[in-house]
Amino acid sequence: MALVQIARIFDLGEAQVAAAALRASGIAAHLQNEHLAQANPLLQNAVGGFAIWAPEEDAADARAFLRAHRRPPPQPAEDAVSPRRGRSWFAAVLGLLLGT
């Protein structure tokens, strides 16, 4: 059984969830560098993140599974104006006037 790398993820929690989801779907996924990064979290980026490996015959299915379940990146709100934006100036001016 030859293993091939199907993904490389730089966040330990995300990599663990992805590998567990693959295992739950019946694909024998293995997570590389998991224990090294748990022992020394500063090594996460130094070792190149976490590689997920799967059997060669399941690689296409595993990649498709991860693509189908990938979370889209967050989109900025169009008119995201904080309701507290004007209050900070008011508090600063009031503080200067009252001398506190």
C-alpha atoms as a PDB file:
ATOM      1  CA  MET A   1       0.000   0.000   0.000  1.00  0.00           C
ATOM      2  CA  ALA A   2       1.740   3.145  -1.250  1.00  0.00           C
ATOM      3  CA  LEU A   3       0.843   6.414   0.444  1.00  0.00           C
ATOM      4  CA  VAL A   4       0.618   9.745  -1.374  1.00  0.00           C
ATOM      5  CA  GLN A   5       0.346  13.231   0.043  1.00  0.00           C
ATOM      6  CA  ILE A   6      -3.122  14.644  -0.557  1.00  0.00           C
ATOM      7  CA  ALA A   7      -2.957  17.921   1.377  1.00  0.00           C
ATOM      8  CA  ARG A   8      -0.679  20.201   3.379  1.00  0.00           C
ATOM      9  CA  ILE A   9      -2.308  22.300   6.099  1.00  0.00           C
ATOM     10  CA  PHE A  10      -0.531  24.824   8.337  1.00  0.00           C
ATOM     11  CA  ASP A  11      -2.985  24.819  11.256  1.00  0.00           C
ATOM     12  CA  LEU A  12      -2.774  21.803  13.587  1.00  0.00           C
ATOM     13  CA  GLY A  13      -6.445  21.815  14.583  1.00  0.00           C
ATOM     14  CA  GLU A  14      -7.626  22.099  10.994  1.00  0.00           C
ATOM     15  CA  ALA A  15      -5.280  19.294   9.927  1.00  0.00           C
ATOM     16  CA  GLN A  16      -6.528  17.021  12.714  1.00  0.00           C
ATOM     17  CA  VAL A  17     -10.162  17.675  11.794  1.00  0.00           C
ATOM     18  CA  ALA A  18      -9.467  17.043   8.094  1.00  0.00           C
ATOM     19  CA  ALA A  19      -7.675  13.755   8.817  1.00  0.00           C
ATOM     20  CA  ALA A  20     -10.432  12.649  11.212  1.00  0.00           C
ATOM     21  CA  ALA A  21     -13.130  13.483   8.645  1.00  0.00           C
ATOM     22  CA  LEU A  22     -11.296  11.422   6.027  1.00  0.00           C
ATOM     23  CA  ARG A  23     -11.018   8.506   8.447  1.00  0.00           C
ATOM     24  CA  ALA A  24     -14.729   8.785   9.263  1.00  0.00           C
ATOM     25  CA  SER A  25     -15.535   8.603   5.550  1.00  0.00           C
ATOM     26  CA  GLY A  26     -13.597   5.352   5.234  1.00  0.00           C
ATOM     27  CA  ILE A  27     -10.248   6.645   3.933  1.00  0.00           C
ATOM     28  CA  ALA A  28      -7.189   5.596   5.949  1.00  0.00           C
ATOM     29  CA  ALA A  29      -5.613   9.045   6.339  1.00  0.00           C
ATOM     30  CA  HIS A  30      -2.347   9.639   8.194  1.00  0.00           C
ATOM     31  CA  LEU A  31      -1.236  12.994   9.591  1.00  0.00           C
ATOM     32  CA  GLN A  32       2.489  13.748   9.424  1.00  0.00           C
ATOM     33  CA  ASN A  33       4.316  16.005  11.956  1.00  0.00           C
ATOM     34  CA  GLU A  34       1.363  16.044  14.354  1.00  0.00           C
ATOM     35  CA  HIS A  35       3.296  14.968  17.449  1.00  0.00           C
ATOM     36  CA  LEU A  36       6.345  17.076  16.635  1.00  0.00           C
ATOM     37  CA  ALA A  37       4.253  20.242  16.598  1.00  0.00           C
ATOM     38  CA  GLN A  38       2.435  19.273  19.794  1.00  0.00           C
ATOM     39  CA  ALA A  39       5.794  18.925  21.534  1.00  0.00           C
ATOM     40  CA  ASN A  40       7.086  22.250  20.184  1.00  0.00           C
ATOM     41  CA  PRO A  41       4.440  24.497  18.573  1.00  0.00           C
ATOM     42  CA  LEU A  42       7.093  26.859  17.219  1.00  0.00           C
ATOM     43  CA  LEU A  43       8.094  24.151  14.750  1.00  0.00           C
ATOM     44  CA  GLN A  44       4.731  24.154  12.935  1.00  0.00           C
ATOM     45  CA  ASN A  45       5.884  26.426  10.125  1.00  0.00           C
ATOM     46  CA  ALA A  46       9.492  25.241  10.247  1.00  0.00           C
ATOM     47  CA  VAL A  47       8.510  21.699   9.267  1.00  0.00           C
ATOM     48  CA  GLY A  48       6.212  22.967   6.507  1.00  0.00           C
ATOM     49  CA  GLY A  49       2.878  22.420   8.178  1.00  0.00           C
ATOM     50  CA  PHE A  50       1.099  19.099   8.393  1.00  0.00           C
ATOM     51  CA  ALA A  51       0.903  16.670   5.505  1.00  0.00           C
ATOM     52  CA  ILE A  52      -2.088  14.389   5.159  1.00  0.00           C
ATOM     53  CA  TRP A  53      -1.272  11.091   3.468  1.00  0.00           C
ATOM     54  CA  ALA A  54      -3.692   8.515   2.082  1.00  0.00           C
ATOM     55  CA  PRO A  55      -3.411   5.271   0.123  1.00  0.00           C
ATOM     56  CA  GLU A  56      -2.739   5.841  -3.559  1.00  0.00           C
ATOM     57  CA  GLU A  57      -5.982   4.170  -4.617  1.00  0.00           C
ATOM     58  CA  ASP A  58      -8.010   6.536  -2.365  1.00  0.00           C
ATOM     59  CA  ALA A  59      -6.078   9.727  -3.193  1.00  0.00           C
ATOM     60  CA  ALA A  60      -8.525  11.101  -5.767  1.00  0.00           C
ATOM     61  CA  ASP A  61     -11.508  10.467  -3.488  1.00  0.00           C
ATOM     62  CA  ALA A  62      -9.686  12.034  -0.527  1.00  0.00           C
ATOM     63  CA  ARG A  63      -8.786  15.181  -2.485  1.00  0.00           C
ATOM     64  CA  ALA A  64     -12.366  15.488  -3.736  1.00  0.00           C
ATOM     65  CA  PHE A  65     -13.679  15.033  -0.190  1.00  0.00           C
ATOM     66  CA  LEU A  66     -11.410  17.788   1.152  1.00  0.00           C
ATOM     67  CA  ARG A  67     -12.310  20.135  -1.729  1.00  0.00           C
ATOM     68  CA  ALA A  68     -16.022  19.557  -1.133  1.00  0.00           C
ATOM     69  CA  HIS A  69     -15.719  20.284   2.589  1.00  0.00           C
ATOM     70  CA  ARG A  70     -13.319  23.215   2.445  1.00  0.00           C
ATOM     71  CA  ARG A  71     -14.529  26.301   4.271  1.00  0.00           C
ATOM     72  CA  PRO A  72     -14.585  29.398   2.030  1.00  0.00           C
ATOM     73  CA  PRO A  73     -12.444  32.336   3.162  1.00  0.00           C
ATOM     74  CA  PRO A  74     -14.311  35.009   5.130  1.00  0.00           C
ATOM     75  CA  GLN A  75     -15.662  37.887   3.067  1.00  0.00           C
ATOM     76  CA  PRO A  76     -15.519  41.435   4.437  1.00  0.00           C
ATOM     77  CA  ALA A  77     -18.862  43.052   5.098  1.00  0.00           C
ATOM     78  CA  GLU A  78     -19.808  45.702   2.553  1.00  0.00           C
ATOM     79  CA  ASP A  79     -20.764  48.460   4.979  1.00  0.00           C
ATOM     80  CA  ALA A  80     -19.110  47.327   8.174  1.00  0.00           C
ATOM     81  CA  VAL A  81     -19.032  50.495  10.249  1.00  0.00           C
ATOM     82  CA  SER A  82     -18.698  50.065  13.963  1.00  0.00           C
ATOM     83  CA  PRO A  83     -21.588  51.615  15.893  1.00  0.00           C
ATOM     84  CA  ARG A  84     -19.079  52.671  18.558  1.00  0.00           C
ATOM     85  CA  ARG A  85     -16.926  54.618  16.107  1.00  0.00           C
ATOM     86  CA  GLY A  86     -18.133  58.090  17.100  1.00  0.00           C
ATOM     87  CA  ARG A  87     -18.314  57.312  20.806  1.00  0.00           C
ATOM     88  CA  SER A  88     -14.542  57.093  21.232  1.00  0.00           C
ATOM     89  CA  TRP A  89     -14.063  60.707  20.125  1.00  0.00           C
ATOM     90  CA  PHE A  90     -16.871  61.842  22.381  1.00  0.00           C
ATOM     91  CA  ALA A  91     -15.316  60.051  25.357  1.00  0.00           C
ATOM     92  CA  ALA A  92     -11.894  61.560  24.614  1.00  0.00           C
ATOM     93  CA  VAL A  93     -13.246  65.121  24.385  1.00  0.00           C
ATOM     94  CA  LEU A  94     -15.384  64.665  27.485  1.00  0.00           C
ATOM     95  CA  GLY A  95     -12.367  63.311  29.381  1.00  0.00           C
ATOM     96  CA  LEU A  96     -10.253  66.316  28.391  1.00  0.00           C
ATOM     97  CA  LEU A  97     -12.984  68.762  29.387  1.00  0.00           C
ATOM     98  CA  LEU A  98     -13.609  67.141  32.759  1.00  0.00           C
ATOM     99  CA  GLY A  99      -9.913  66.666  33.495  1.00  0.00           C
ATOM    100  CA  THR A 100     -10.018  62.952  34.241  1.00  0.00           C
END
